[in-house]
Amino acid sequence: MTTSLLTLAYNAADDKKAEDIVVLNMEGVSIIADQFVICHANSERQVQSIAREIADQASKAGYAVKRLEGFDLGRWILVDLGDVVVHVFHKDERGYYNLEKHWGDAPFLEMADKE
């Protein structure tokens, strides 16, 4: 179930033209989630559009959207889907927070098989 949820979230971000999408495998690294999806966009409006698409696609597929934080500002939106947490950043915020470095123990997952 997590794999299909991960693919759904990744593809929804990609469909809305999210940039530099990476997936961190958080299993054994953090109890927060099994995977983090991290991406960014160039405007608050696009950040909101990406987050909305991820939440909408997850809901349509029957997954619960546990939390959607930061939507109004559109600078860093967290979409909590349970096992998968998606971080959608404004490009200016992504480098500042640098989650990839913060969670440096987490290996990257390749999403070459996205469908």
C-alpha atoms as a PDB file:
ATOM      1  CA  MET A   1       0.000   0.000   0.000  1.00  0.00           C
ATOM      2  CA  THR A   2       2.813   2.418   0.849  1.00  0.00           C
ATOM      3  CA  THR A   3       4.478   1.882  -2.527  1.00  0.00           C
ATOM      4  CA  SER A   4       1.348   2.805  -4.442  1.00  0.00           C
ATOM      5  CA  LEU A   5       0.771   5.796  -2.139  1.00  0.00           C
ATOM      6  CA  LEU A   6       4.369   6.881  -2.700  1.00  0.00           C
ATOM      7  CA  THR A   7       3.969   6.542  -6.471  1.00  0.00           C
ATOM      8  CA  LEU A   8       0.684   8.455  -6.358  1.00  0.00           C
ATOM      9  CA  ALA A   9       2.235  11.335  -4.407  1.00  0.00           C
ATOM     10  CA  TYR A  10       5.319  11.440  -6.624  1.00  0.00           C
ATOM     11  CA  ASN A  11       3.295  11.400  -9.832  1.00  0.00           C
ATOM     12  CA  ALA A  12       0.859  14.054  -8.576  1.00  0.00           C
ATOM     13  CA  ALA A  13       3.788  16.371  -7.820  1.00  0.00           C
ATOM     14  CA  ASP A  14       5.379  15.603 -11.166  1.00  0.00           C
ATOM     15  CA  ASP A  15       2.097  16.227 -13.014  1.00  0.00           C
ATOM     16  CA  LYS A  16       1.963  19.741 -11.534  1.00  0.00           C
ATOM     17  CA  LYS A  17       5.551  20.441 -12.641  1.00  0.00           C
ATOM     18  CA  ALA A  18       7.218  20.208  -9.229  1.00  0.00           C
ATOM     19  CA  GLU A  19      10.969  20.611  -9.526  1.00  0.00           C
ATOM     20  CA  ASP A  20      13.815  18.453  -8.198  1.00  0.00           C
ATOM     21  CA  ILE A  21      11.564  15.767  -6.700  1.00  0.00           C
ATOM     22  CA  VAL A  22      13.471  13.482  -4.348  1.00  0.00           C
ATOM     23  CA  VAL A  23      12.336  10.610  -2.163  1.00  0.00           C
ATOM     24  CA  LEU A  24      14.035   9.761   1.117  1.00  0.00           C
ATOM     25  CA  ASN A  25      13.602   6.307   2.647  1.00  0.00           C
ATOM     26  CA  MET A  26      12.910   7.121   6.293  1.00  0.00           C
ATOM     27  CA  GLU A  27      12.469   3.502   7.432  1.00  0.00           C
ATOM     28  CA  GLY A  28      14.807   2.902  10.347  1.00  0.00           C
ATOM     29  CA  VAL A  29      15.778   6.587  10.374  1.00  0.00           C
ATOM     30  CA  SER A  30      12.632   8.235  11.744  1.00  0.00           C
ATOM     31  CA  ILE A  31       9.298   7.157  13.174  1.00  0.00           C
ATOM     32  CA  ILE A  32       7.576  10.105  11.462  1.00  0.00           C
ATOM     33  CA  ALA A  33       7.011   8.324   8.136  1.00  0.00           C
ATOM     34  CA  ASP A  34       8.353   5.568   5.885  1.00  0.00           C
ATOM     35  CA  GLN A  35       9.155   7.994   3.062  1.00  0.00           C
ATOM     36  CA  PHE A  36       9.553  11.722   2.560  1.00  0.00           C
ATOM     37  CA  VAL A  37       8.879  13.236  -0.828  1.00  0.00           C
ATOM     38  CA  ILE A  38      10.595  16.622  -1.183  1.00  0.00           C
ATOM     39  CA  CYS A  39      10.093  19.026  -4.073  1.00  0.00           C
ATOM     40  CA  HIS A  40       9.803  22.712  -4.843  1.00  0.00           C
ATOM     41  CA  ALA A  41       8.128  25.244  -7.095  1.00  0.00           C
ATOM     42  CA  ASN A  42       8.856  28.805  -8.166  1.00  0.00           C
ATOM     43  CA  SER A  43       5.811  30.588  -6.717  1.00  0.00           C
ATOM     44  CA  GLU A  44       3.461  30.324  -3.740  1.00  0.00           C
ATOM     45  CA  ARG A  45       0.597  29.631  -6.112  1.00  0.00           C
ATOM     46  CA  GLN A  46       2.386  26.693  -7.729  1.00  0.00           C
ATOM     47  CA  VAL A  47       3.395  25.326  -4.309  1.00  0.00           C
ATOM     48  CA  GLN A  48      -0.284  25.395  -3.336  1.00  0.00           C
ATOM     49  CA  SER A  49      -1.317  23.794  -6.627  1.00  0.00           C
ATOM     50  CA  ILE A  50       1.124  20.908  -6.160  1.00  0.00           C
ATOM     51  CA  ALA A  51       0.039  20.290  -2.566  1.00  0.00           C
ATOM     52  CA  ARG A  52      -3.641  20.463  -3.520  1.00  0.00           C
ATOM     53  CA  GLU A  53      -3.124  17.948  -6.348  1.00  0.00           C
ATOM     54  CA  ILE A  54      -1.327  15.516  -4.038  1.00  0.00           C
ATOM     55  CA  ALA A  55      -4.080  15.767  -1.414  1.00  0.00           C
ATOM     56  CA  ASP A  56      -6.839  15.473  -4.032  1.00  0.00           C
ATOM     57  CA  GLN A  57      -5.294  12.449  -5.736  1.00  0.00           C
ATOM     58  CA  ALA A  58      -4.692  10.726  -2.399  1.00  0.00           C
ATOM     59  CA  SER A  59      -8.301  11.334  -1.322  1.00  0.00           C
ATOM     60  CA  LYS A  60      -9.661  10.079  -4.660  1.00  0.00           C
ATOM     61  CA  ALA A  61      -7.609   6.894  -4.264  1.00  0.00           C
ATOM     62  CA  GLY A  62      -9.034   6.326  -0.780  1.00  0.00           C
ATOM     63  CA  TYR A  63      -6.047   7.453   1.288  1.00  0.00           C
ATOM     64  CA  ALA A  64      -6.540   9.699   4.297  1.00  0.00           C
ATOM     65  CA  VAL A  65      -4.907  13.111   4.258  1.00  0.00           C
ATOM     66  CA  LYS A  66      -3.975  13.373   7.927  1.00  0.00           C
ATOM     67  CA  ARG A  67      -2.705  16.961   7.811  1.00  0.00           C
ATOM     68  CA  LEU A  68      -2.120  19.762   5.360  1.00  0.00           C
ATOM     69  CA  GLU A  69       0.045  22.416   7.016  1.00  0.00           C
ATOM     70  CA  GLY A  70       1.315  25.734   5.682  1.00  0.00           C
ATOM     71  CA  PHE A  71      -1.135  25.950   2.793  1.00  0.00           C
ATOM     72  CA  ASP A  72      -2.147  29.593   3.235  1.00  0.00           C
ATOM     73  CA  LEU A  73       1.405  30.958   3.016  1.00  0.00           C
ATOM     74  CA  GLY A  74       2.503  28.632   0.217  1.00  0.00           C
ATOM     75  CA  ARG A  75       6.148  28.670   1.306  1.00  0.00           C
ATOM     76  CA  TRP A  76       6.436  25.156   2.777  1.00  0.00           C
ATOM     77  CA  ILE A  77       3.410  22.912   2.675  1.00  0.00           C
ATOM     78  CA  LEU A  78       3.494  19.604   4.481  1.00  0.00           C
ATOM     79  CA  VAL A  79       1.072  16.981   3.170  1.00  0.00           C
ATOM     80  CA  ASP A  80       0.861  14.188   5.759  1.00  0.00           C
ATOM     81  CA  LEU A  81      -0.434  11.009   4.166  1.00  0.00           C
ATOM     82  CA  GLY A  82       0.638   8.763   7.051  1.00  0.00           C
ATOM     83  CA  ASP A  83       3.391   6.488   5.764  1.00  0.00           C
ATOM     84  CA  VAL A  84       4.340   9.127   3.188  1.00  0.00           C
ATOM     85  CA  VAL A  85       4.933  12.777   4.061  1.00  0.00           C
ATOM     86  CA  VAL A  86       5.300  15.246   1.207  1.00  0.00           C
ATOM     87  CA  HIS A  87       7.193  18.520   1.664  1.00  0.00           C
ATOM     88  CA  VAL A  88       6.387  21.057  -1.050  1.00  0.00           C
ATOM     89  CA  PHE A  89       8.677  24.068  -0.791  1.00  0.00           C
ATOM     90  CA  HIS A  90       8.931  27.425  -2.461  1.00  0.00           C
ATOM     91  CA  LYS A  91      12.355  27.358  -4.146  1.00  0.00           C
ATOM     92  CA  ASP A  92      13.651  30.073  -1.781  1.00  0.00           C
ATOM     93  CA  GLU A  93      12.740  28.022   1.301  1.00  0.00           C
ATOM     94  CA  ARG A  94      14.009  24.644   0.154  1.00  0.00           C
ATOM     95  CA  GLY A  95      17.681  25.540   0.294  1.00  0.00           C
ATOM     96  CA  TYR A  96      17.256  27.224   3.659  1.00  0.00           C
ATOM     97  CA  TYR A  97      15.655  24.208   5.360  1.00  0.00           C
ATOM     98  CA  ASN A  98      17.706  21.648   3.382  1.00  0.00           C
ATOM     99  CA  LEU A  99      15.817  18.564   4.589  1.00  0.00           C
ATOM    100  CA  GLU A 100      17.976  16.300   2.449  1.00  0.00           C
ATOM    101  CA  LYS A 101      21.013  17.312   4.521  1.00  0.00           C
ATOM    102  CA  HIS A 102      19.091  17.376   7.808  1.00  0.00           C
ATOM    103  CA  TRP A 103      17.992  13.777   7.217  1.00  0.00           C
ATOM    104  CA  GLY A 104      21.382  12.805   5.771  1.00  0.00           C
ATOM    105  CA  ASP A 105      21.163   9.267   7.204  1.00  0.00           C
ATOM    106  CA  ALA A 106      18.151   8.528   4.998  1.00  0.00           C
ATOM    107  CA  PRO A 107      18.980   6.930   1.662  1.00  0.00           C
ATOM    108  CA  PHE A 108      17.478   8.318  -1.536  1.00  0.00           C
ATOM    109  CA  LEU A 109      14.939   6.148  -3.370  1.00  0.00           C
ATOM    110  CA  GLU A 110      14.901   6.085  -7.155  1.00  0.00           C
ATOM    111  CA  MET A 111      11.460   6.535  -8.695  1.00  0.00           C
ATOM    112  CA  ALA A 112      12.373   5.390 -12.212  1.00  0.00           C
ATOM    113  CA  ASP A 113       9.397   3.048 -12.327  1.00  0.00           C
ATOM    114  CA  LYS A 114       6.801   5.795 -11.867  1.00  0.00           C
ATOM    115  CA  GLU A 115       3.548   5.092 -13.625  1.00  0.00           C
END
